[in-house]
PDB file of all heavy atoms in Angstrom:
ATOM      1  N   ALA A   1     -10.901   5.823  -1.546  1.00  0.00           N
ATOM      2  CA  ALA A   1     -11.057   6.354  -0.184  1.00  0.00           C
ATOM      3  C   ALA A   1     -10.573   5.326   0.863  1.00  0.00           C
ATOM      4  O   ALA A   1     -11.011   4.178   0.835  1.00  0.00           O
ATOM      5  CB  ALA A   1     -12.501   6.741   0.093  1.00  0.00           C
ATOM      6  N   VAL A   2      -9.692   5.756   1.730  1.00  0.00           N
ATOM      7  CA  VAL A   2      -9.077   4.847   2.703  1.00  0.00           C
ATOM      8  C   VAL A   2     -10.139   4.204   3.577  1.00  0.00           C
ATOM      9  O   VAL A   2     -10.069   3.013   3.902  1.00  0.00           O
ATOM     10  CB  VAL A   2      -8.011   5.580   3.558  1.00  0.00           C
ATOM     11  CG1 VAL A   2      -7.518   4.694   4.690  1.00  0.00           C
ATOM     12  CG2 VAL A   2      -6.862   6.045   2.698  1.00  0.00           C
ATOM     13  N   GLU A   3     -11.147   4.976   3.972  1.00  0.00           N
ATOM     14  CA  GLU A   3     -12.171   4.428   4.873  1.00  0.00           C
ATOM     15  C   GLU A   3     -12.999   3.324   4.229  1.00  0.00           C
ATOM     16  O   GLU A   3     -13.679   2.571   4.944  1.00  0.00           O
ATOM     17  CB  GLU A   3     -13.092   5.560   5.364  1.00  0.00           C
ATOM     18  CG  GLU A   3     -13.851   6.291   4.257  1.00  0.00           C
ATOM     19  CD  GLU A   3     -13.114   7.501   3.692  1.00  0.00           C
ATOM     20  OE1 GLU A   3     -11.860   7.530   3.844  1.00  0.00           O
ATOM     21  OE2 GLU A   3     -13.768   8.349   3.082  1.00  0.00           O
ATOM     22  N   ASN A   4     -12.942   3.218   2.917  1.00  0.00           N
ATOM     23  CA  ASN A   4     -13.714   2.164   2.214  1.00  0.00           C
ATOM     24  C   ASN A   4     -12.872   0.944   1.871  1.00  0.00           C
ATOM     25  O   ASN A   4     -13.393  -0.002   1.279  1.00  0.00           O
ATOM     26  CB  ASN A   4     -14.346   2.721   0.942  1.00  0.00           C
ATOM     27  CG  ASN A   4     -15.349   3.807   1.221  1.00  0.00           C
ATOM     28  OD1 ASN A   4     -16.002   3.812   2.282  1.00  0.00           O
ATOM     29  ND2 ASN A   4     -15.515   4.743   0.284  1.00  0.00           N
ATOM     30  N   ARG A   5     -11.617   0.977   2.192  1.00  0.00           N
ATOM     31  CA  ARG A   5     -10.741  -0.129   1.804  1.00  0.00           C
ATOM     32  C   ARG A   5     -10.904  -1.314   2.770  1.00  0.00           C
ATOM     33  O   ARG A   5     -10.939  -1.134   3.983  1.00  0.00           O
ATOM     34  CB  ARG A   5      -9.289   0.321   1.765  1.00  0.00           C
ATOM     35  CG  ARG A   5      -9.020   1.384   0.739  1.00  0.00           C
ATOM     36  CD  ARG A   5      -7.550   1.808   0.747  1.00  0.00           C
ATOM     37  NE  ARG A   5      -7.299   2.996  -0.042  1.00  0.00           N
ATOM     38  CZ  ARG A   5      -6.121   3.591  -0.180  1.00  0.00           C
ATOM     39  NH1 ARG A   5      -5.058   3.082   0.460  1.00  0.00           N
ATOM     40  NH2 ARG A   5      -6.003   4.686  -0.917  1.00  0.00           N
ATOM     41  N   PRO A   6     -10.951  -2.529   2.231  1.00  0.00           N
ATOM     42  CA  PRO A   6     -11.149  -3.699   3.080  1.00  0.00           C
ATOM     43  C   PRO A   6      -9.859  -4.169   3.750  1.00  0.00           C
ATOM     44  O   PRO A   6      -8.756  -3.977   3.212  1.00  0.00           O
ATOM     45  CB  PRO A   6     -11.629  -4.766   2.090  1.00  0.00           C
ATOM     46  CG  PRO A   6     -10.951  -4.376   0.801  1.00  0.00           C
ATOM     47  CD  PRO A   6     -10.903  -2.867   0.799  1.00  0.00           C
ATOM     48  N   LYS A   7      -9.992  -4.747   4.920  1.00  0.00           N
ATOM     49  CA  LYS A   7      -8.857  -5.450   5.519  1.00  0.00           C
ATOM     50  C   LYS A   7      -8.838  -6.871   4.967  1.00  0.00           C
ATOM     51  O   LYS A   7      -9.891  -7.512   4.806  1.00  0.00           O
ATOM     52  CB  LYS A   7      -9.002  -5.484   7.042  1.00  0.00           C
ATOM     53  CG  LYS A   7      -8.912  -4.125   7.710  1.00  0.00           C
ATOM     54  CD  LYS A   7      -9.031  -4.230   9.209  1.00  0.00           C
ATOM     55  CE  LYS A   7      -8.879  -2.876   9.870  1.00  0.00           C
ATOM     56  NZ  LYS A   7      -8.979  -2.969  11.344  1.00  0.00           N
ATOM     57  N   ARG A   8      -7.634  -7.382   4.658  1.00  0.00           N
ATOM     58  CA  ARG A   8      -7.517  -8.697   4.080  1.00  0.00           C
ATOM     59  C   ARG A   8      -6.492  -9.532   4.864  1.00  0.00           C
ATOM     60  O   ARG A   8      -5.513  -9.012   5.386  1.00  0.00           O
ATOM     61  CB  ARG A   8      -7.036  -8.618   2.636  1.00  0.00           C
ATOM     62  CG  ARG A   8      -7.931  -7.813   1.698  1.00  0.00           C
ATOM     63  CD  ARG A   8      -9.178  -8.585   1.325  1.00  0.00           C
ATOM     64  NE  ARG A   8      -9.902  -7.915   0.254  1.00  0.00           N
ATOM     65  CZ  ARG A   8     -11.114  -8.188  -0.140  1.00  0.00           C
ATOM     66  NH1 ARG A   8     -11.792  -9.172   0.447  1.00  0.00           N
ATOM     67  NH2 ARG A   8     -11.694  -7.511  -1.131  1.00  0.00           N
ATOM     68  N   LEU A   9      -6.729 -10.852   4.909  1.00  0.00           N
ATOM     69  CA  LEU A   9      -5.735 -11.755   5.448  1.00  0.00           C
ATOM     70  C   LEU A   9      -4.644 -11.958   4.390  1.00  0.00           C
ATOM     71  O   LEU A   9      -4.955 -12.322   3.244  1.00  0.00           O
ATOM     72  CB  LEU A   9      -6.379 -13.117   5.827  1.00  0.00           C
ATOM     73  CG  LEU A   9      -7.433 -13.083   6.928  1.00  0.00           C
ATOM     74  CD1 LEU A   9      -7.858 -14.502   7.237  1.00  0.00           C
ATOM     75  CD2 LEU A   9      -6.953 -12.368   8.179  1.00  0.00           C
ATOM     76  N   ASP A  10      -3.434 -11.722   4.776  1.00  0.00           N
ATOM     77  CA  ASP A  10      -2.301 -11.934   3.891  1.00  0.00           C
ATOM     78  C   ASP A  10      -1.733 -13.328   4.152  1.00  0.00           C
ATOM     79  O   ASP A  10      -1.066 -13.572   5.169  1.00  0.00           O
ATOM     80  CB  ASP A  10      -1.221 -10.889   4.102  1.00  0.00           C
ATOM     81  CG  ASP A  10       0.081 -11.205   3.364  1.00  0.00           C
ATOM     82  OD1 ASP A  10       0.005 -11.900   2.325  1.00  0.00           O
ATOM     83  OD2 ASP A  10       1.159 -10.778   3.816  1.00  0.00           O
ATOM     84  N   LEU A  11      -2.025 -14.266   3.244  1.00  0.00           N
ATOM     85  CA  LEU A  11      -1.590 -15.656   3.420  1.00  0.00           C
ATOM     86  C   LEU A  11      -0.101 -15.820   3.263  1.00  0.00           C
ATOM     87  O   LEU A  11       0.456 -16.820   3.775  1.00  0.00           O
ATOM     88  CB  LEU A  11      -2.335 -16.547   2.422  1.00  0.00           C
ATOM     89  CG  LEU A  11      -3.862 -16.486   2.463  1.00  0.00           C
ATOM     90  CD1 LEU A  11      -4.456 -17.563   1.532  1.00  0.00           C
ATOM     91  CD2 LEU A  11      -4.416 -16.664   3.876  1.00  0.00           C
ATOM     92  N   ALA A  12       0.556 -14.886   2.605  1.00  0.00           N
ATOM     93  CA  ALA A  12       2.020 -15.025   2.421  1.00  0.00           C
ATOM     94  C   ALA A  12       2.751 -14.952   3.721  1.00  0.00           C
ATOM     95  O   ALA A  12       3.685 -15.720   3.952  1.00  0.00           O
ATOM     96  CB  ALA A  12       2.502 -13.942   1.438  1.00  0.00           C
ATOM     97  N   TRP A  13       2.355 -14.024   4.592  1.00  0.00           N
ATOM     98  CA  TRP A  13       3.122 -13.781   5.814  1.00  0.00           C
ATOM     99  C   TRP A  13       2.279 -13.953   7.080  1.00  0.00           C
ATOM    100  O   TRP A  13       2.754 -13.690   8.186  1.00  0.00           O
ATOM    101  CB  TRP A  13       3.705 -12.376   5.787  1.00  0.00           C
ATOM    102  CG  TRP A  13       4.653 -12.199   4.615  1.00  0.00           C
ATOM    103  CD1 TRP A  13       4.429 -11.471   3.500  1.00  0.00           C
ATOM    104  CD2 TRP A  13       5.922 -12.825   4.450  1.00  0.00           C
ATOM    105  NE1 TRP A  13       5.504 -11.582   2.646  1.00  0.00           N
ATOM    106  CE2 TRP A  13       6.421 -12.392   3.193  1.00  0.00           C
ATOM    107  CE3 TRP A  13       6.711 -13.674   5.240  1.00  0.00           C
ATOM    108  CZ2 TRP A  13       7.674 -12.809   2.717  1.00  0.00           C
ATOM    109  CZ3 TRP A  13       7.940 -14.114   4.752  1.00  0.00           C
ATOM    110  CH2 TRP A  13       8.418 -13.655   3.502  1.00  0.00           C
ATOM    111  N   GLY A  14       1.004 -14.420   6.932  1.00  0.00           N
ATOM    112  CA  GLY A  14       0.208 -14.719   8.121  1.00  0.00           C
ATOM    113  C   GLY A  14      -0.203 -13.503   8.934  1.00  0.00           C
ATOM    114  O   GLY A  14      -0.341 -13.592  10.143  1.00  0.00           O
ATOM    115  N   THR A  15      -0.431 -12.373   8.225  1.00  0.00           N
ATOM    116  CA  THR A  15      -0.798 -11.146   8.915  1.00  0.00           C
ATOM    117  C   THR A  15      -2.072 -10.573   8.338  1.00  0.00           C
ATOM    118  O   THR A  15      -2.641 -11.126   7.376  1.00  0.00           O
ATOM    119  CB  THR A  15       0.330 -10.103   8.814  1.00  0.00           C
ATOM    120  OG1 THR A  15       0.586  -9.842   7.423  1.00  0.00           O
ATOM    121  CG2 THR A  15       1.597 -10.617   9.466  1.00  0.00           C
ATOM    122  N   THR A  16      -2.543  -9.475   8.893  1.00  0.00           N
ATOM    123  CA  THR A  16      -3.695  -8.773   8.351  1.00  0.00           C
ATOM    124  C   THR A  16      -3.224  -7.507   7.657  1.00  0.00           C
ATOM    125  O   THR A  16      -2.513  -6.691   8.232  1.00  0.00           O
ATOM    126  CB  THR A  16      -4.709  -8.390   9.475  1.00  0.00           C
ATOM    127  OG1 THR A  16      -5.174  -9.602  10.073  1.00  0.00           O
ATOM    128  CG2 THR A  16      -5.877  -7.607   8.893  1.00  0.00           C
ATOM    129  N   GLU A  17      -3.641  -7.333   6.400  1.00  0.00           N
ATOM    130  CA  GLU A  17      -3.278  -6.141   5.628  1.00  0.00           C
ATOM    131  C   GLU A  17      -4.432  -5.158   5.712  1.00  0.00           C
ATOM    132  O   GLU A  17      -5.514  -5.408   5.192  1.00  0.00           O
ATOM    133  CB  GLU A  17      -3.016  -6.540   4.164  1.00  0.00           C
ATOM    134  CG  GLU A  17      -2.809  -5.364   3.219  1.00  0.00           C
ATOM    135  CD  GLU A  17      -1.759  -4.388   3.673  1.00  0.00           C
ATOM    136  OE1 GLU A  17      -0.604  -4.809   3.976  1.00  0.00           O
ATOM    137  OE2 GLU A  17      -2.075  -3.174   3.722  1.00  0.00           O
ATOM    138  N   PRO A  18      -4.187  -3.971   6.291  1.00  0.00           N
ATOM    139  CA  PRO A  18      -5.276  -2.989   6.453  1.00  0.00           C
ATOM    140  C   PRO A  18      -5.576  -2.171   5.191  1.00  0.00           C
ATOM    141  O   PRO A  18      -6.623  -1.557   5.085  1.00  0.00           O
ATOM    142  CB  PRO A  18      -4.756  -2.051   7.561  1.00  0.00           C
ATOM    143  CG  PRO A  18      -3.254  -2.105   7.404  1.00  0.00           C
ATOM    144  CD  PRO A  18      -2.952  -3.524   6.982  1.00  0.00           C
ATOM    145  N   ASN A  19      -4.635  -2.188   4.232  1.00  0.00           N
ATOM    146  CA  ASN A  19      -4.781  -1.473   2.983  1.00  0.00           C
ATOM    147  C   ASN A  19      -4.928   0.040   3.151  1.00  0.00           C
ATOM    148  O   ASN A  19      -5.443   0.720   2.260  1.00  0.00           O
ATOM    149  CB  ASN A  19      -5.963  -2.014   2.165  1.00  0.00           C
ATOM    150  CG  ASN A  19      -5.598  -3.333   1.476  1.00  0.00           C
ATOM    151  OD1 ASN A  19      -4.574  -3.433   0.802  1.00  0.00           O
ATOM    152  ND2 ASN A  19      -6.410  -4.354   1.683  1.00  0.00           N
ATOM    153  N   THR A  20      -4.456   0.574   4.261  1.00  0.00           N
ATOM    154  CA  THR A  20      -4.458   2.031   4.412  1.00  0.00           C
ATOM    155  C   THR A  20      -3.334   2.685   3.599  1.00  0.00           C
ATOM    156  O   THR A  20      -3.334   3.893   3.396  1.00  0.00           O
ATOM    157  CB  THR A  20      -4.311   2.422   5.886  1.00  0.00           C
ATOM    158  OG1 THR A  20      -3.207   1.714   6.483  1.00  0.00           O
ATOM    159  CG2 THR A  20      -5.580   2.079   6.651  1.00  0.00           C
ATOM    160  N   PHE A  21      -2.380   1.881   3.182  1.00  0.00           N
ATOM    161  CA  PHE A  21      -1.304   2.316   2.277  1.00  0.00           C
ATOM    162  C   PHE A  21      -1.381   1.441   1.038  1.00  0.00           C
ATOM    163  O   PHE A  21      -1.331   0.211   1.134  1.00  0.00           O
ATOM    164  CB  PHE A  21       0.033   2.143   2.965  1.00  0.00           C
ATOM    165  CG  PHE A  21       1.207   2.688   2.189  1.00  0.00           C
ATOM    166  CD1 PHE A  21       1.744   3.927   2.450  1.00  0.00           C
ATOM    167  CD2 PHE A  21       1.782   1.941   1.174  1.00  0.00           C
ATOM    168  CE1 PHE A  21       2.820   4.435   1.732  1.00  0.00           C
ATOM    169  CE2 PHE A  21       2.873   2.417   0.440  1.00  0.00           C
ATOM    170  CZ  PHE A  21       3.389   3.663   0.722  1.00  0.00           C
ATOM    171  N   GLY A  22      -1.512   2.090  -0.120  1.00  0.00           N
ATOM    172  CA  GLY A  22      -1.628   1.327  -1.359  1.00  0.00           C
ATOM    173  C   GLY A  22      -0.868   1.977  -2.491  1.00  0.00           C
ATOM    174  O   GLY A  22       0.106   2.721  -2.294  1.00  0.00           O
ATOM    175  N   THR A  23      -1.341   1.718  -3.696  1.00  0.00           N
ATOM    176  CA  THR A  23      -0.581   2.078  -4.908  1.00  0.00           C
ATOM    177  C   THR A  23      -0.332   3.565  -5.018  1.00  0.00           C
ATOM    178  O   THR A  23       0.811   4.000  -5.243  1.00  0.00           O
ATOM    179  CB  THR A  23      -1.361   1.610  -6.160  1.00  0.00           C
ATOM    180  OG1 THR A  23      -1.502   0.172  -6.082  1.00  0.00           O
ATOM    181  CG2 THR A  23      -0.609   1.958  -7.429  1.00  0.00           C
ATOM    182  N   ASN A  24      -1.347   4.390  -4.875  1.00  0.00           N
ATOM    183  CA  ASN A  24      -1.134   5.833  -5.014  1.00  0.00           C
ATOM    184  C   ASN A  24      -0.309   6.422  -3.901  1.00  0.00           C
ATOM    185  O   ASN A  24       0.479   7.344  -4.127  1.00  0.00           O
ATOM    186  CB  ASN A  24      -2.500   6.561  -5.117  1.00  0.00           C
ATOM    187  CG  ASN A  24      -3.226   6.225  -6.410  1.00  0.00           C
ATOM    188  OD1 ASN A  24      -2.667   6.288  -7.482  1.00  0.00           O
ATOM    189  ND2 ASN A  24      -4.496   5.836  -6.300  1.00  0.00           N
ATOM    190  N   GLU A  25      -0.474   5.874  -2.686  1.00  0.00           N
ATOM    191  CA  GLU A  25       0.366   6.347  -1.589  1.00  0.00           C
ATOM    192  C   GLU A  25       1.834   6.021  -1.857  1.00  0.00           C
ATOM    193  O   GLU A  25       2.720   6.856  -1.619  1.00  0.00           O
ATOM    194  CB  GLU A  25      -0.067   5.674  -0.269  1.00  0.00           C
ATOM    195  CG  GLU A  25      -1.327   6.223   0.318  1.00  0.00           C
ATOM    196  CD  GLU A  25      -2.593   5.619  -0.290  1.00  0.00           C
ATOM    197  OE1 GLU A  25      -2.480   4.615  -1.050  1.00  0.00           O
ATOM    198  OE2 GLU A  25      -3.685   6.147  -0.026  1.00  0.00           O
ATOM    199  N   PHE A  26       2.092   4.823  -2.423  1.00  0.00           N
ATOM    200  CA  PHE A  26       3.451   4.481  -2.717  1.00  0.00           C
ATOM    201  C   PHE A  26       4.032   5.402  -3.804  1.00  0.00           C
ATOM    202  O   PHE A  26       5.169   5.819  -3.735  1.00  0.00           O
ATOM    203  CB  PHE A  26       3.592   3.024  -3.159  1.00  0.00           C
ATOM    204  CG  PHE A  26       4.999   2.614  -3.459  1.00  0.00           C
ATOM    205  CD1 PHE A  26       5.919   2.485  -2.431  1.00  0.00           C
ATOM    206  CD2 PHE A  26       5.439   2.410  -4.759  1.00  0.00           C
ATOM    207  CE1 PHE A  26       7.239   2.126  -2.686  1.00  0.00           C
ATOM    208  CE2 PHE A  26       6.752   2.048  -5.028  1.00  0.00           C
ATOM    209  CZ  PHE A  26       7.648   1.915  -3.979  1.00  0.00           C
ATOM    210  N   MET A  27       3.229   5.707  -4.819  1.00  0.00           N
ATOM    211  CA  MET A  27       3.712   6.582  -5.882  1.00  0.00           C
ATOM    212  C   MET A  27       3.990   7.981  -5.375  1.00  0.00           C
ATOM    213  O   MET A  27       4.976   8.630  -5.792  1.00  0.00           O
ATOM    214  CB  MET A  27       2.691   6.645  -7.032  1.00  0.00           C
ATOM    215  CG  MET A  27       2.459   5.294  -7.730  1.00  0.00           C
ATOM    216  SD  MET A  27       3.964   4.456  -8.287  1.00  0.00           S
ATOM    217  CE  MET A  27       4.635   5.669  -9.421  1.00  0.00           C
ATOM    218  N   LYS A  28       3.215   8.476  -4.439  1.00  0.00           N
ATOM    219  CA  LYS A  28       3.488   9.769  -3.818  1.00  0.00           C
ATOM    220  C   LYS A  28       4.757   9.708  -2.995  1.00  0.00           C
ATOM    221  O   LYS A  28       5.571  10.637  -3.011  1.00  0.00           O
ATOM    222  CB  LYS A  28       2.313  10.193  -2.945  1.00  0.00           C
ATOM    223  CG  LYS A  28       1.058  10.571  -3.717  1.00  0.00           C
ATOM    224  CD  LYS A  28      -0.125  10.861  -2.792  1.00  0.00           C
ATOM    225  CE  LYS A  28       0.070  12.138  -2.014  1.00  0.00           C
ATOM    226  NZ  LYS A  28      -1.160  12.442  -1.214  1.00  0.00           N
ATOM    227  N   TRP A  29       4.960   8.582  -2.295  1.00  0.00           N
ATOM    228  CA  TRP A  29       6.203   8.412  -1.522  1.00  0.00           C
ATOM    229  C   TRP A  29       7.399   8.409  -2.464  1.00  0.00           C
ATOM    230  O   TRP A  29       8.432   9.014  -2.153  1.00  0.00           O
ATOM    231  CB  TRP A  29       6.151   7.125  -0.725  1.00  0.00           C
ATOM    232  CG  TRP A  29       7.392   6.900   0.092  1.00  0.00           C
ATOM    233  CD1 TRP A  29       7.666   7.400   1.318  1.00  0.00           C
ATOM    234  CD2 TRP A  29       8.564   6.168  -0.301  1.00  0.00           C
ATOM    235  NE1 TRP A  29       8.922   7.025   1.728  1.00  0.00           N
ATOM    236  CE2 TRP A  29       9.484   6.237   0.752  1.00  0.00           C
ATOM    237  CE3 TRP A  29       8.879   5.428  -1.431  1.00  0.00           C
ATOM    238  CZ2 TRP A  29      10.737   5.641   0.700  1.00  0.00           C
ATOM    239  CZ3 TRP A  29      10.140   4.819  -1.504  1.00  0.00           C
ATOM    240  CH2 TRP A  29      11.045   4.911  -0.454  1.00  0.00           C
ATOM    241  N   CYS A  30       7.284   7.720  -3.604  1.00  0.00           N
ATOM    242  CA  CYS A  30       8.418   7.678  -4.569  1.00  0.00           C
ATOM    243  C   CYS A  30       8.797   9.091  -4.997  1.00  0.00           C
ATOM    244  O   CYS A  30       9.998   9.412  -5.137  1.00  0.00           O
ATOM    245  CB  CYS A  30       8.025   6.853  -5.808  1.00  0.00           C
ATOM    246  SG  CYS A  30       8.043   5.068  -5.537  1.00  0.00           S
ATOM    247  N   GLN A  31       7.832   9.958  -5.253  1.00  0.00           N
ATOM    248  CA  GLN A  31       8.122  11.325  -5.645  1.00  0.00           C
ATOM    249  C   GLN A  31       8.925  12.033  -4.582  1.00  0.00           C
ATOM    250  O   GLN A  31       9.906  12.715  -4.868  1.00  0.00           O
ATOM    251  CB  GLN A  31       6.821  12.076  -5.925  1.00  0.00           C
ATOM    252  CG  GLN A  31       6.097  11.645  -7.204  1.00  0.00           C
ATOM    253  CD  GLN A  31       4.862  12.472  -7.457  1.00  0.00           C
ATOM    254  OE1 GLN A  31       4.194  12.947  -6.535  1.00  0.00           O
ATOM    255  NE2 GLN A  31       4.514  12.628  -8.733  1.00  0.00           N
ATOM    256  N   LYS A  32       8.538  11.855  -3.340  1.00  0.00           N
ATOM    257  CA  LYS A  32       9.246  12.523  -2.220  1.00  0.00           C
ATOM    258  C   LYS A  32      10.583  11.909  -1.947  1.00  0.00           C
ATOM    259  O   LYS A  32      11.501  12.612  -1.473  1.00  0.00           O
ATOM    260  CB  LYS A  32       8.380  12.491  -0.974  1.00  0.00           C
ATOM    261  CG  LYS A  32       7.098  13.328  -1.110  1.00  0.00           C
ATOM    262  CD  LYS A  32       6.310  13.370   0.174  1.00  0.00           C
ATOM    263  CE  LYS A  32       5.073  14.270   0.017  1.00  0.00           C
ATOM    264  NZ  LYS A  32       4.332  14.426   1.281  1.00  0.00           N
ATOM    265  N   ALA A  33      10.759  10.631  -2.241  1.00  0.00           N
ATOM    266  CA  ALA A  33      12.028   9.948  -2.006  1.00  0.00           C
ATOM    267  C   ALA A  33      12.922  10.028  -3.218  1.00  0.00           C
ATOM    268  O   ALA A  33      14.007   9.396  -3.240  1.00  0.00           O
ATOM    269  CB  ALA A  33      11.780   8.499  -1.630  1.00  0.00           C
ATOM    270  N   ASN A  34      12.490  10.749  -4.272  1.00  0.00           N
ATOM    271  CA  ASN A  34      13.290  10.928  -5.474  1.00  0.00           C
ATOM    272  C   ASN A  34      13.662   9.607  -6.126  1.00  0.00           C
ATOM    273  O   ASN A  34      14.816   9.370  -6.478  1.00  0.00           O
ATOM    274  CB  ASN A  34      14.542  11.760  -5.190  1.00  0.00           C
ATOM    275  CG  ASN A  34      15.226  12.259  -6.438  1.00  0.00           C
ATOM    276  OD1 ASN A  34      14.559  12.534  -7.445  1.00  0.00           O
ATOM    277  ND2 ASN A  34      16.535  12.405  -6.399  1.00  0.00           N
ATOM    278  N   THR A  35      12.662   8.736  -6.241  1.00  0.00           N
ATOM    279  CA  THR A  35      12.898   7.431  -6.847  1.00  0.00           C
ATOM    280  C   THR A  35      11.750   7.089  -7.754  1.00  0.00           C
ATOM    281  O   THR A  35      10.742   7.811  -7.826  1.00  0.00           O
ATOM    282  CB  THR A  35      13.067   6.358  -5.750  1.00  0.00           C
ATOM    283  OG1 THR A  35      13.513   5.125  -6.339  1.00  0.00           O
ATOM    284  CG2 THR A  35      11.770   6.095  -4.994  1.00  0.00           C
ATOM    285  N   GLU A  36      11.874   5.997  -8.470  1.00  0.00           N
ATOM    286  CA  GLU A  36      10.827   5.514  -9.382  1.00  0.00           C
ATOM    287  C   GLU A  36      10.323   4.153  -8.922  1.00  0.00           C
ATOM    288  O   GLU A  36      10.998   3.460  -8.149  1.00  0.00           O
ATOM    289  CB  GLU A  36      11.352   5.421 -10.815  1.00  0.00           C
ATOM    290  CG  GLU A  36      11.739   6.775 -11.403  1.00  0.00           C
ATOM    291  CD  GLU A  36      12.288   6.667 -12.803  1.00  0.00           C
ATOM    292  OE1 GLU A  36      12.260   5.553 -13.381  1.00  0.00           O
ATOM    293  OE2 GLU A  36      12.742   7.702 -13.350  1.00  0.00           O
ATOM    294  N   CYS A  37       9.171   3.766  -9.385  1.00  0.00           N
ATOM    295  CA  CYS A  37       8.541   2.492  -9.006  1.00  0.00           C
ATOM    296  C   CYS A  37       8.840   1.384 -10.009  1.00  0.00           C
ATOM    297  O   CYS A  37       8.739   1.601 -11.219  1.00  0.00           O
ATOM    298  CB  CYS A  37       7.045   2.702  -8.880  1.00  0.00           C
ATOM    299  SG  CYS A  37       6.114   1.180  -8.598  1.00  0.00           S
ATOM    300  N   MET A  38       9.155   0.217  -9.484  1.00  0.00           N
ATOM    301  CA  MET A  38       9.212  -1.016 -10.249  1.00  0.00           C
ATOM    302  C   MET A  38       8.045  -1.848  -9.741  1.00  0.00           C
ATOM    303  O   MET A  38       8.097  -2.423  -8.675  1.00  0.00           O
ATOM    304  CB  MET A  38      10.543  -1.735  -9.992  1.00  0.00           C
ATOM    305  CG  MET A  38      10.687  -3.071 -10.711  1.00  0.00           C
ATOM    306  SD  MET A  38      12.278  -3.849 -10.219  1.00  0.00           S
ATOM    307  CE  MET A  38      12.318  -5.219 -11.374  1.00  0.00           C
ATOM    308  N   MET A  39       6.948  -1.858 -10.493  1.00  0.00           N
ATOM    309  CA  MET A  39       5.692  -2.424 -10.015  1.00  0.00           C
ATOM    310  C   MET A  39       5.598  -3.926 -10.352  1.00  0.00           C
ATOM    311  O   MET A  39       5.926  -4.340 -11.457  1.00  0.00           O
ATOM    312  CB  MET A  39       4.510  -1.686 -10.672  1.00  0.00           C
ATOM    313  CG  MET A  39       3.158  -2.113 -10.159  1.00  0.00           C
ATOM    314  SD  MET A  39       2.860  -1.640  -8.422  1.00  0.00           S
ATOM    315  CE  MET A  39       2.599   0.146  -8.595  1.00  0.00           C
TER     316      MET A  39
END
């Protein structure tokens, strides 16, 4: 559930990651973009 996902500090790029977009969202996007995932 998106509302339960934590916000995290991303040390790689110095930003805050809200985690509102994650693994399953990306896989759904891949289906619509007619592509596959390299995880």
